[in-house]
């Protein structure tokens, strides 16, 4: 078993759709970034890549590459799953915490689990989704950003 941790944060911006955990969430702003800026999936990608001993998400999907402009982070996650498999590992489980003052995440958690599981070819029970606030502290607490942290455990050969 190997484990990895990932973290991501993006500012909220008007004129963008809000994607978290591969799910479109109705909100007045979305996350700013080169791709769809899904902080939850970006954190998970980094956790999986780290557990497999691979380079980080910025190396594999650089924001200077036009192929990734506005791309769905579910596609990035699918590709990450393939990289991890090629390295000789498979996802055992993943746990993601989303930190946001708004919107409330609980109504979307099951959809996120299903979307992530489908992208990685695992059962939804292998994915944990939690949410918390930043208690009014910092950019997240003022509702100007959303962040996520993730841990992933992989099974497979030890390189």
Protein backbone atom coordinates (compact mmCIF):
# COMPACT_ATOMS: atom_id res chain seq x y z
CA UNK A 1 0.00 0.00 0.00
CA UNK A 2 1.17 3.50 -0.80
CA UNK A 3 -0.43 6.81 0.14
CA UNK A 4 -0.26 10.34 -1.20
CA UNK A 5 -1.65 13.73 -0.24
CA UNK A 6 -2.85 16.47 -2.56
CA UNK A 7 -3.99 20.06 -2.09
CA UNK A 8 -5.42 22.70 -4.40
CA UNK A 9 -7.00 26.14 -4.12
CA UNK A 10 -8.65 28.41 -6.69
CA UNK A 11 -10.23 31.84 -6.46
CA UNK A 12 -13.91 32.23 -7.28
CA UNK A 13 -14.73 34.37 -10.31
CA UNK A 14 -17.91 35.59 -11.95
CA UNK A 15 -18.59 34.25 -15.43
CA UNK A 16 -17.34 30.72 -14.65
CA UNK A 17 -19.29 27.56 -13.87
CA UNK A 18 -18.53 25.87 -10.57
CA UNK A 19 -17.31 22.29 -10.85
CA UNK A 20 -16.36 20.34 -7.74
CA UNK A 21 -15.74 16.61 -7.63
CA UNK A 22 -16.73 16.38 -11.28
CA UNK A 23 -20.20 17.81 -10.60
CA UNK A 24 -21.64 21.09 -11.88
CA UNK A 25 -22.94 22.99 -8.84
CA UNK A 26 -25.30 25.96 -9.23
CA UNK A 27 -23.51 29.01 -7.86
CA UNK A 28 -23.07 32.67 -8.78
CA UNK A 29 -19.35 32.16 -9.42
CA UNK A 30 -16.99 29.41 -10.54
CA UNK A 31 -13.36 28.59 -9.91
CA UNK A 32 -10.76 30.50 -11.92
CA UNK A 33 -8.11 28.46 -13.67
CA UNK A 34 -6.75 27.11 -16.93
CA UNK A 35 -8.95 23.99 -16.90
CA UNK A 36 -12.39 23.92 -15.26
CA UNK A 37 -10.36 24.47 -12.02
CA UNK A 38 -12.06 21.66 -10.06
CA UNK A 39 -9.98 21.93 -6.87
CA UNK A 40 -11.29 18.62 -5.48
CA UNK A 41 -10.22 16.63 -8.54
CA UNK A 42 -6.89 18.46 -8.79
CA UNK A 43 -6.12 17.58 -5.17
CA UNK A 44 -7.07 13.95 -5.86
CA UNK A 45 -4.88 13.80 -8.97
CA UNK A 46 -1.90 15.06 -6.97
CA UNK A 47 -2.59 12.58 -4.16
CA UNK A 48 -2.69 9.68 -6.61
CA UNK A 49 0.38 10.86 -8.51
CA UNK A 50 2.31 11.29 -5.27
CA UNK A 51 1.34 7.84 -4.00
CA UNK A 52 2.58 6.33 -7.26
CA UNK A 53 5.86 8.26 -7.04
CA UNK A 54 5.06 10.25 -10.18
CA UNK A 55 5.49 13.96 -10.90
CA UNK A 56 2.73 16.39 -9.90
CA UNK A 57 -0.37 17.55 -11.76
CA UNK A 58 1.38 20.69 -13.07
CA UNK A 59 3.97 18.53 -14.80
CA UNK A 60 1.43 16.25 -16.47
CA UNK A 61 -1.15 18.94 -17.29
CA UNK A 62 0.69 22.28 -17.52
CA UNK A 63 -1.34 25.48 -17.66
CA UNK A 64 0.81 26.54 -20.61
CA UNK A 65 -0.64 23.75 -22.77
CA UNK A 66 -3.67 24.85 -24.78
CA UNK A 67 -4.98 21.25 -24.85
CA UNK A 68 -5.98 21.69 -21.22
CA UNK A 69 -7.70 25.09 -21.60
CA UNK A 70 -11.19 24.74 -20.05
CA UNK A 71 -10.88 20.93 -20.07
CA UNK A 72 -13.01 18.92 -17.67
CA UNK A 73 -10.93 17.85 -14.69
CA UNK A 74 -12.68 14.47 -14.95
CA UNK A 75 -10.56 13.95 -18.09
CA UNK A 76 -7.45 14.87 -16.13
CA UNK A 77 -8.48 12.39 -13.43
CA UNK A 78 -9.11 9.64 -15.99
CA UNK A 79 -5.64 10.21 -17.45
CA UNK A 80 -4.14 10.25 -13.96
CA UNK A 81 -5.77 6.86 -13.34
CA UNK A 82 -4.09 5.54 -16.48
CA UNK A 83 -0.69 6.92 -15.42
CA UNK A 84 -1.06 5.27 -12.01
CA UNK A 85 -2.07 1.98 -13.62
CA UNK A 86 0.90 2.14 -16.00
CA UNK A 87 3.14 2.61 -12.95
CA UNK A 88 1.75 -0.67 -11.57
CA UNK A 89 -0.82 0.60 -9.07
CA UNK A 90 -4.57 0.83 -8.63
CA UNK A 91 -6.66 3.01 -6.37
CA UNK A 92 -7.63 1.39 -3.09
CA UNK A 93 -9.48 4.40 -1.69
CA UNK A 94 -9.53 8.17 -1.73
CA UNK A 95 -10.81 10.74 0.73
CA UNK A 96 -11.40 14.38 -0.23
CA UNK A 97 -12.23 17.35 1.98
CA UNK A 98 -13.60 20.46 0.27
CA UNK A 99 -13.16 23.73 2.16
CA UNK A 100 -15.73 26.37 1.18
CA UNK A 101 -18.02 28.83 2.92
CA UNK A 102 -20.57 28.49 0.12
CA UNK A 103 -22.14 26.62 -1.55
CA UNK A 104 -23.07 23.80 0.78
CA UNK A 105 -21.62 20.56 -0.60
CA UNK A 106 -23.59 17.80 1.14
CA UNK A 107 -26.35 17.62 -1.48
CA UNK A 108 -23.72 16.94 -4.18
CA UNK A 109 -21.46 14.48 -2.36
CA UNK A 110 -23.07 11.31 -3.72
CA UNK A 111 -22.88 12.65 -7.28
CA UNK A 112 -19.22 13.46 -6.75
CA UNK A 113 -18.51 9.95 -5.48
CA UNK A 114 -20.22 8.46 -8.55
CA UNK A 115 -18.42 10.76 -11.01
CA UNK A 116 -15.00 10.11 -9.47
CA UNK A 117 -15.58 6.36 -9.22
CA UNK A 118 -16.68 6.18 -12.86
CA UNK A 119 -13.60 8.13 -14.01
CA UNK A 120 -11.29 5.75 -12.12
CA UNK A 121 -13.15 2.48 -12.63
CA UNK A 122 -13.77 1.83 -8.92
CA UNK A 123 -16.87 1.53 -6.76
CA UNK A 124 -18.30 4.72 -5.23
CA UNK A 125 -17.73 3.23 -1.78
CA UNK A 126 -13.98 3.65 -2.36
CA UNK A 127 -14.40 7.44 -2.43
CA UNK A 128 -15.01 9.67 0.56
CA UNK A 129 -16.27 13.25 0.23
CA UNK A 130 -16.45 15.68 3.12
CA UNK A 131 -16.87 19.42 3.36
CA UNK A 132 -16.09 22.06 5.92
CA UNK A 133 -15.88 25.83 6.14
CA UNK A 134 -12.93 28.02 7.02
CA UNK A 135 -14.96 29.70 9.79
CA UNK A 136 -14.73 33.10 8.11
CA UNK A 137 -10.92 33.10 8.07
CA UNK A 138 -8.86 34.15 5.04
CA UNK A 139 -9.84 34.21 1.37
CA UNK A 140 -11.82 30.98 1.73
CA UNK A 141 -13.61 32.29 4.80
CA UNK A 142 -14.56 35.48 2.96
CA UNK A 143 -16.06 33.39 0.16
CA UNK A 144 -13.40 34.40 -2.39
CA UNK A 145 -11.82 30.95 -2.88
CA UNK A 146 -12.40 27.22 -2.49
CA UNK A 147 -9.75 24.66 -1.62
CA UNK A 148 -9.58 20.90 -1.27
CA UNK A 149 -7.24 18.35 0.20
CA UNK A 150 -7.16 14.67 -0.66
CA UNK A 151 -5.47 11.48 0.36
CA UNK A 152 -5.27 8.43 -1.86
CA UNK A 153 -4.07 4.94 -1.08
CA UNK A 154 -2.87 2.71 -3.90
CA UNK A 155 -2.30 -1.01 -4.10
CA UNK A 156 0.38 -2.48 -6.30
CA UNK A 157 4.00 -3.18 -6.78
CA UNK A 158 6.60 -1.29 -4.84
CA UNK A 159 9.07 0.37 -7.21
